[in-house]
N, C-alpha and C. Protein backbone atom coordinates (compact mmCIF):
# COMPACT_ATOMS: atom_id res chain seq x y z
N MET A 1 -25.33 21.98 -43.91
CA MET A 1 -25.14 21.51 -42.56
C MET A 1 -24.01 20.50 -42.49
N HIS A 2 -23.88 19.63 -43.48
CA HIS A 2 -22.85 18.60 -43.38
C HIS A 2 -21.47 19.22 -43.32
N MET A 3 -21.29 20.40 -43.92
CA MET A 3 -19.98 21.04 -43.89
C MET A 3 -19.59 21.40 -42.46
N VAL A 4 -20.54 21.85 -41.67
CA VAL A 4 -20.27 22.19 -40.28
C VAL A 4 -19.92 20.94 -39.49
N ILE A 5 -20.58 19.83 -39.80
CA ILE A 5 -20.39 18.61 -39.03
C ILE A 5 -19.13 17.86 -39.45
N ASP A 6 -18.90 17.70 -40.75
CA ASP A 6 -17.83 16.78 -41.16
C ASP A 6 -16.56 17.44 -41.69
N ARG A 7 -16.52 18.75 -41.85
CA ARG A 7 -15.30 19.37 -42.34
C ARG A 7 -14.54 20.15 -41.28
N GLN A 8 -14.95 20.01 -40.04
CA GLN A 8 -14.23 20.65 -38.94
C GLN A 8 -13.10 19.74 -38.49
N LYS A 9 -11.91 20.29 -38.30
CA LYS A 9 -10.76 19.48 -37.89
C LYS A 9 -10.80 19.15 -36.40
N ASN A 10 -11.36 20.03 -35.58
CA ASN A 10 -11.30 19.86 -34.13
C ASN A 10 -12.52 19.15 -33.53
N HIS A 11 -13.61 19.09 -34.24
CA HIS A 11 -14.80 18.42 -33.72
C HIS A 11 -15.65 17.96 -34.90
N GLY A 12 -16.70 17.27 -34.60
CA GLY A 12 -17.60 16.81 -35.66
C GLY A 12 -17.50 15.30 -35.87
N MET A 13 -17.99 14.86 -37.00
CA MET A 13 -17.96 13.43 -37.34
C MET A 13 -17.71 13.29 -38.83
N ARG A 14 -17.26 12.14 -39.23
CA ARG A 14 -17.04 11.88 -40.64
C ARG A 14 -18.38 11.78 -41.37
N PHE A 15 -18.35 12.13 -42.65
CA PHE A 15 -19.58 12.11 -43.44
C PHE A 15 -20.16 10.70 -43.54
N ARG A 16 -19.30 9.69 -43.58
CA ARG A 16 -19.79 8.30 -43.64
C ARG A 16 -20.62 7.96 -42.40
N VAL A 17 -20.19 8.45 -41.24
CA VAL A 17 -20.95 8.21 -40.00
C VAL A 17 -22.28 8.95 -40.05
N LEU A 18 -22.26 10.18 -40.55
CA LEU A 18 -23.49 10.96 -40.69
C LEU A 18 -24.47 10.26 -41.64
N ALA A 19 -23.96 9.75 -42.77
CA ALA A 19 -24.81 9.05 -43.73
C ALA A 19 -25.37 7.76 -43.13
N LYS A 20 -24.57 7.05 -42.37
CA LYS A 20 -25.04 5.82 -41.73
C LYS A 20 -26.14 6.13 -40.72
N ALA A 21 -25.97 7.20 -39.94
CA ALA A 21 -27.01 7.60 -38.99
C ALA A 21 -28.30 7.94 -39.71
N LEU A 22 -28.19 8.60 -40.86
CA LEU A 22 -29.39 8.91 -41.64
C LEU A 22 -30.07 7.62 -42.11
N ARG A 23 -29.30 6.67 -42.63
CA ARG A 23 -29.90 5.41 -43.10
C ARG A 23 -30.55 4.65 -41.96
N LEU A 24 -29.90 4.61 -40.79
CA LEU A 24 -30.46 3.90 -39.64
C LEU A 24 -31.74 4.55 -39.13
N SER A 25 -31.87 5.85 -39.35
CA SER A 25 -33.09 6.54 -38.90
C SER A 25 -34.18 6.56 -39.96
N GLY A 26 -33.95 5.88 -41.10
CA GLY A 26 -35.00 5.76 -42.11
C GLY A 26 -34.81 6.60 -43.35
N GLY A 27 -33.72 7.36 -43.43
CA GLY A 27 -33.47 8.17 -44.63
C GLY A 27 -33.08 7.32 -45.82
N ASP A 28 -33.44 7.75 -47.00
CA ASP A 28 -33.14 6.99 -48.21
C ASP A 28 -31.82 7.38 -48.84
N HIS A 29 -31.57 8.67 -48.97
CA HIS A 29 -30.35 9.11 -49.64
C HIS A 29 -30.03 10.56 -49.27
N ILE A 30 -28.80 10.94 -49.53
CA ILE A 30 -28.34 12.31 -49.28
C ILE A 30 -27.82 12.87 -50.59
N HIS A 31 -28.22 14.07 -50.91
CA HIS A 31 -27.68 14.77 -52.08
C HIS A 31 -26.86 15.94 -51.55
N ALA A 32 -25.67 15.67 -51.08
CA ALA A 32 -24.83 16.71 -50.49
C ALA A 32 -24.11 17.49 -51.58
N GLY A 33 -24.18 18.80 -51.49
CA GLY A 33 -23.45 19.64 -52.43
C GLY A 33 -24.00 19.68 -53.83
N VAL A 34 -25.28 19.33 -54.01
CA VAL A 34 -25.86 19.30 -55.36
C VAL A 34 -26.11 20.70 -55.89
N LEU A 35 -26.67 21.58 -55.07
CA LEU A 35 -26.91 22.96 -55.49
C LEU A 35 -26.93 23.87 -54.28
N PRO A 36 -26.70 25.16 -54.50
CA PRO A 36 -26.66 26.08 -53.36
C PRO A 36 -28.03 26.25 -52.72
N VAL A 37 -28.03 26.30 -51.40
CA VAL A 37 -29.27 26.46 -50.64
C VAL A 37 -29.09 27.62 -49.66
N ALA A 38 -30.03 28.54 -49.67
CA ALA A 38 -30.07 29.61 -48.69
C ALA A 38 -31.17 29.27 -47.70
N SER A 39 -30.83 29.23 -46.42
CA SER A 39 -31.80 28.81 -45.42
C SER A 39 -31.52 29.54 -44.11
N GLY A 40 -32.56 29.76 -43.34
CA GLY A 40 -32.41 30.34 -42.02
C GLY A 40 -32.85 31.78 -41.94
N GLY A 41 -34.09 32.01 -41.56
CA GLY A 41 -34.59 33.37 -41.39
C GLY A 41 -34.83 34.11 -42.69
N ILE A 42 -35.08 33.39 -43.75
CA ILE A 42 -35.27 34.01 -45.06
C ILE A 42 -36.73 34.40 -45.25
N HIS A 43 -36.94 35.61 -45.71
CA HIS A 43 -38.27 36.14 -45.99
C HIS A 43 -38.33 36.57 -47.45
N VAL A 44 -39.51 36.88 -47.91
CA VAL A 44 -39.72 37.20 -49.32
C VAL A 44 -38.89 38.40 -49.76
N TRP A 45 -38.63 39.35 -48.88
CA TRP A 45 -37.86 40.53 -49.30
C TRP A 45 -36.37 40.23 -49.46
N HIS A 46 -35.91 39.05 -49.06
CA HIS A 46 -34.52 38.65 -49.29
C HIS A 46 -34.30 38.09 -50.70
N MET A 47 -35.38 37.76 -51.40
CA MET A 47 -35.25 37.07 -52.70
C MET A 47 -34.40 37.81 -53.72
N PRO A 48 -34.56 39.11 -53.94
CA PRO A 48 -33.75 39.77 -54.96
C PRO A 48 -32.25 39.66 -54.70
N ALA A 49 -31.83 39.88 -53.46
CA ALA A 49 -30.41 39.79 -53.15
C ALA A 49 -29.89 38.36 -53.27
N LEU A 50 -30.69 37.39 -52.82
CA LEU A 50 -30.24 35.99 -52.88
C LEU A 50 -30.16 35.47 -54.31
N THR A 51 -31.08 35.87 -55.17
CA THR A 51 -30.98 35.44 -56.56
C THR A 51 -29.82 36.14 -57.27
N GLU A 52 -29.44 37.32 -56.81
CA GLU A 52 -28.22 37.96 -57.34
C GLU A 52 -26.99 37.16 -56.95
N ILE A 53 -26.95 36.67 -55.72
CA ILE A 53 -25.80 35.93 -55.22
C ILE A 53 -25.74 34.53 -55.81
N PHE A 54 -26.84 33.77 -55.73
CA PHE A 54 -26.86 32.36 -56.11
C PHE A 54 -27.33 32.11 -57.54
N GLY A 55 -27.98 33.07 -58.15
CA GLY A 55 -28.58 32.84 -59.46
C GLY A 55 -29.95 32.20 -59.30
N ASP A 56 -30.56 31.86 -60.42
CA ASP A 56 -31.91 31.28 -60.34
C ASP A 56 -31.89 29.75 -60.29
N ASP A 57 -30.72 29.14 -60.25
CA ASP A 57 -30.61 27.69 -60.13
C ASP A 57 -30.17 27.35 -58.70
N SER A 58 -31.04 27.67 -57.74
CA SER A 58 -30.74 27.46 -56.33
C SER A 58 -32.04 27.19 -55.58
N VAL A 59 -31.90 26.89 -54.29
CA VAL A 59 -33.06 26.62 -53.44
C VAL A 59 -33.10 27.69 -52.35
N LEU A 60 -34.25 28.31 -52.18
CA LEU A 60 -34.47 29.27 -51.10
C LEU A 60 -35.50 28.67 -50.16
N GLN A 61 -35.10 28.37 -48.94
CA GLN A 61 -36.00 27.73 -47.98
C GLN A 61 -36.61 28.80 -47.09
N PHE A 62 -37.92 28.93 -47.17
CA PHE A 62 -38.65 29.97 -46.45
C PHE A 62 -39.37 29.42 -45.23
N GLY A 63 -38.75 28.56 -44.45
CA GLY A 63 -39.42 27.98 -43.29
C GLY A 63 -39.82 29.02 -42.26
N GLY A 64 -38.84 29.79 -41.79
CA GLY A 64 -39.13 30.81 -40.78
C GLY A 64 -40.00 31.93 -41.30
N GLY A 65 -39.79 32.29 -42.57
CA GLY A 65 -40.61 33.34 -43.17
C GLY A 65 -42.05 32.92 -43.35
N THR A 66 -42.26 31.64 -43.57
CA THR A 66 -43.62 31.13 -43.75
C THR A 66 -44.29 30.88 -42.40
N LEU A 67 -43.62 30.15 -41.53
CA LEU A 67 -44.22 29.78 -40.25
C LEU A 67 -44.24 30.94 -39.26
N GLY A 68 -43.39 31.94 -39.45
CA GLY A 68 -43.35 33.07 -38.54
C GLY A 68 -44.17 34.27 -39.00
N HIS A 69 -45.01 34.08 -40.01
CA HIS A 69 -45.82 35.19 -40.51
C HIS A 69 -46.80 35.63 -39.43
N PRO A 70 -46.97 36.94 -39.22
CA PRO A 70 -47.84 37.40 -38.13
C PRO A 70 -49.31 37.01 -38.29
N TRP A 71 -49.75 36.70 -39.50
CA TRP A 71 -51.16 36.32 -39.70
C TRP A 71 -51.35 34.81 -39.74
N GLY A 72 -50.29 34.04 -39.54
CA GLY A 72 -50.41 32.59 -39.52
C GLY A 72 -49.67 31.93 -40.67
N ASN A 73 -49.72 30.60 -40.68
CA ASN A 73 -48.98 29.81 -41.66
C ASN A 73 -49.52 29.94 -43.08
N ALA A 74 -50.83 29.90 -43.23
CA ALA A 74 -51.42 29.96 -44.58
C ALA A 74 -51.08 31.27 -45.28
N PRO A 75 -51.26 32.44 -44.65
CA PRO A 75 -50.84 33.67 -45.32
C PRO A 75 -49.33 33.72 -45.55
N GLY A 76 -48.55 33.11 -44.65
CA GLY A 76 -47.11 33.05 -44.85
C GLY A 76 -46.73 32.25 -46.08
N ALA A 77 -47.46 31.15 -46.32
CA ALA A 77 -47.20 30.35 -47.52
C ALA A 77 -47.58 31.11 -48.78
N VAL A 78 -48.64 31.89 -48.73
CA VAL A 78 -49.06 32.67 -49.89
C VAL A 78 -48.03 33.75 -50.20
N VAL A 79 -47.55 34.43 -49.18
CA VAL A 79 -46.59 35.51 -49.38
C VAL A 79 -45.25 34.98 -49.88
N ASN A 80 -44.77 33.90 -49.28
CA ASN A 80 -43.46 33.38 -49.66
C ASN A 80 -43.58 32.45 -50.84
């Protein structure tokens, strides 16, 4: 997300401003660019392709896949 906000030439904000806003809102620290993260509409059937792309040293965030499961959140957590 920080890349969209702070690396745009025509709009956005500097990363220092973003970090300051995080600290003022109670955040402790930012680990920007530490490892690749796949996020946004990811479901369990995306895992093989994503591990091919990113390898096994990455983060796969299954928020939508878990919370959007047709049987509810608990079955979504079990599946993902």
